[in-house]
Amino acid sequence: MNHIDGNKANNFYKNLEWVTSKENMAHAIENGLMNYAKGEDRSNLKKEEIILIRDLYKTGRYTHKQLGDKFNLSRRYIGNIINRKRWKHI
């Protein structure tokens, strides 16, 4: 359920719409209700580190686990960075 005007206290039926979770998140980001798009707010990683992780992986000398150990991140999160499921704006 999405509040069209962004006000969660306004439960008037014309202010509510059925949306997917993804659509609800996009609405919140687009309307400034949530600053989630950049990802940097939620992590201590720097842009340079994201680029370095991807560059190191491209060399073929590092596995996701090795990069995870090096940067103190989970293997899964490293995979998400490499596959641009996270930090896709970089």
C-alpha atoms as a PDB file:
ATOM      1  CA  MET A   1       0.000   0.000   0.000  1.00  0.00           C
ATOM      2  CA  ASN A   2       1.368   3.385  -1.019  1.00  0.00           C
ATOM      3  CA  HIS A   3       0.409   6.804   0.306  1.00  0.00           C
ATOM      4  CA  ILE A   4       0.318   8.930  -2.847  1.00  0.00           C
ATOM      5  CA  ASP A   5       1.063  12.205  -1.028  1.00  0.00           C
ATOM      6  CA  GLY A   6       3.829  10.573   1.059  1.00  0.00           C
ATOM      7  CA  ASN A   7       1.991  11.277   4.322  1.00  0.00           C
ATOM      8  CA  LYS A   8       1.533   7.977   6.170  1.00  0.00           C
ATOM      9  CA  ALA A   9      -1.026   9.580   8.469  1.00  0.00           C
ATOM     10  CA  ASN A  10      -3.294  10.425   5.518  1.00  0.00           C
ATOM     11  CA  ASN A  11      -5.279   7.210   5.077  1.00  0.00           C
ATOM     12  CA  PHE A  12      -8.039   8.722   2.932  1.00  0.00           C
ATOM     13  CA  TYR A  13      -8.930   6.111   0.316  1.00  0.00           C
ATOM     14  CA  LYS A  14      -8.104   8.444  -2.614  1.00  0.00           C
ATOM     15  CA  ASN A  15      -4.582   8.835  -1.195  1.00  0.00           C
ATOM     16  CA  LEU A  16      -3.913   5.079  -1.166  1.00  0.00           C
ATOM     17  CA  GLU A  17      -2.876   2.805  -4.013  1.00  0.00           C
ATOM     18  CA  TRP A  18      -1.813  -0.815  -4.335  1.00  0.00           C
ATOM     19  CA  VAL A  19       1.783  -1.093  -5.531  1.00  0.00           C
ATOM     20  CA  THR A  20       4.602  -3.593  -5.339  1.00  0.00           C
ATOM     21  CA  SER A  21       7.330  -3.165  -2.753  1.00  0.00           C
ATOM     22  CA  LYS A  22       9.705  -2.102  -5.536  1.00  0.00           C
ATOM     23  CA  GLU A  23       7.254   0.545  -6.794  1.00  0.00           C
ATOM     24  CA  ASN A  24       6.733   1.810  -3.245  1.00  0.00           C
ATOM     25  CA  MET A  25      10.504   2.172  -2.743  1.00  0.00           C
ATOM     26  CA  ALA A  26      10.884   3.974  -6.088  1.00  0.00           C
ATOM     27  CA  HIS A  27       8.052   6.360  -5.124  1.00  0.00           C
ATOM     28  CA  ALA A  28       9.766   7.140  -1.807  1.00  0.00           C
ATOM     29  CA  ILE A  29      13.107   7.845  -3.496  1.00  0.00           C
ATOM     30  CA  GLU A  30      11.621   9.924  -6.328  1.00  0.00           C
ATOM     31  CA  ASN A  31       9.658  12.086  -3.895  1.00  0.00           C
ATOM     32  CA  GLY A  32      12.488  12.647  -1.435  1.00  0.00           C
ATOM     33  CA  LEU A  33      10.859  10.559   1.279  1.00  0.00           C
ATOM     34  CA  MET A  34      13.889   8.286   1.453  1.00  0.00           C
ATOM     35  CA  ASN A  35      17.486   8.921   0.420  1.00  0.00           C
ATOM     36  CA  TYR A  36      18.292   5.356  -0.574  1.00  0.00           C
ATOM     37  CA  ALA A  37      19.424   5.698  -4.178  1.00  0.00           C
ATOM     38  CA  LYS A  38      23.121   6.342  -3.628  1.00  0.00           C
ATOM     39  CA  GLY A  39      23.798   3.639  -1.083  1.00  0.00           C
ATOM     40  CA  GLU A  40      26.687   5.592   0.418  1.00  0.00           C
ATOM     41  CA  ASP A  41      24.561   6.669   3.385  1.00  0.00           C
ATOM     42  CA  ARG A  42      24.324   3.048   4.492  1.00  0.00           C
ATOM     43  CA  SER A  43      27.913   1.940   4.166  1.00  0.00           C
ATOM     44  CA  ASN A  44      31.406   2.931   5.135  1.00  0.00           C
ATOM     45  CA  LEU A  45      32.649   2.053   1.662  1.00  0.00           C
ATOM     46  CA  LYS A  46      34.049   4.808  -0.502  1.00  0.00           C
ATOM     47  CA  LYS A  47      33.575   5.169  -4.241  1.00  0.00           C
ATOM     48  CA  GLU A  48      37.253   4.333  -4.754  1.00  0.00           C
ATOM     49  CA  GLU A  49      36.871   1.070  -2.834  1.00  0.00           C
ATOM     50  CA  ILE A  50      33.915   0.000  -4.982  1.00  0.00           C
ATOM     51  CA  ILE A  51      35.941   0.654  -8.123  1.00  0.00           C
ATOM     52  CA  LEU A  52      38.927  -1.188  -6.635  1.00  0.00           C
ATOM     53  CA  ILE A  53      36.803  -4.235  -5.746  1.00  0.00           C
ATOM     54  CA  ARG A  54      35.512  -4.447  -9.313  1.00  0.00           C
ATOM     55  CA  ASP A  55      38.962  -3.882 -10.808  1.00  0.00           C
ATOM     56  CA  LEU A  56      40.583  -6.530  -8.598  1.00  0.00           C
ATOM     57  CA  TYR A  57      37.893  -9.038  -9.496  1.00  0.00           C
ATOM     58  CA  LYS A  58      38.409  -8.355 -13.212  1.00  0.00           C
ATOM     59  CA  THR A  59      42.054  -9.408 -12.906  1.00  0.00           C
ATOM     60  CA  GLY A  60      40.877 -12.962 -12.223  1.00  0.00           C
ATOM     61  CA  ARG A  61      43.236 -13.309  -9.248  1.00  0.00           C
ATOM     62  CA  TYR A  62      40.609 -12.845  -6.528  1.00  0.00           C
ATOM     63  CA  THR A  63      37.483 -14.776  -5.594  1.00  0.00           C
ATOM     64  CA  HIS A  64      34.458 -13.199  -3.954  1.00  0.00           C
ATOM     65  CA  LYS A  65      35.578 -14.724  -0.658  1.00  0.00           C
ATOM     66  CA  GLN A  66      39.114 -13.329  -0.922  1.00  0.00           C
ATOM     67  CA  LEU A  67      37.773  -9.863  -1.688  1.00  0.00           C
ATOM     68  CA  GLY A  68      35.283 -10.185   1.158  1.00  0.00           C
ATOM     69  CA  ASP A  69      38.103 -11.027   3.562  1.00  0.00           C
ATOM     70  CA  LYS A  70      40.222  -8.159   2.238  1.00  0.00           C
ATOM     71  CA  PHE A  71      37.452  -5.548   2.607  1.00  0.00           C
ATOM     72  CA  ASN A  72      35.717  -7.118   5.625  1.00  0.00           C
ATOM     73  CA  LEU A  73      32.507  -7.792   3.678  1.00  0.00           C
ATOM     74  CA  SER A  74      30.511 -10.948   3.039  1.00  0.00           C
ATOM     75  CA  ARG A  75      31.143 -12.944  -0.108  1.00  0.00           C
ATOM     76  CA  ARG A  76      27.538 -12.312  -1.092  1.00  0.00           C
ATOM     77  CA  TYR A  77      27.836  -8.530  -0.724  1.00  0.00           C
ATOM     78  CA  ILE A  78      31.019  -8.589  -2.842  1.00  0.00           C
ATOM     79  CA  GLY A  79      29.051 -10.479  -5.500  1.00  0.00           C
ATOM     80  CA  ASN A  80      26.322  -7.847  -5.369  1.00  0.00           C
ATOM     81  CA  ILE A  81      28.900  -5.082  -5.865  1.00  0.00           C
ATOM     82  CA  ILE A  82      30.562  -6.894  -8.772  1.00  0.00           C
ATOM     83  CA  ASN A  83      27.212  -7.674 -10.425  1.00  0.00           C
ATOM     84  CA  ARG A  84      26.000  -4.110  -9.829  1.00  0.00           C
ATOM     85  CA  LYS A  85      23.090  -5.134  -7.628  1.00  0.00           C
ATOM     86  CA  ARG A  86      24.630  -2.735  -5.102  1.00  0.00           C
ATOM     87  CA  TRP A  87      26.421   0.509  -5.861  1.00  0.00           C
ATOM     88  CA  LYS A  88      25.196   0.385  -9.455  1.00  0.00           C
ATOM     89  CA  HIS A  89      25.558   4.152  -9.800  1.00  0.00           C
ATOM     90  CA  ILE A  90      29.374   3.764  -9.678  1.00  0.00           C
END
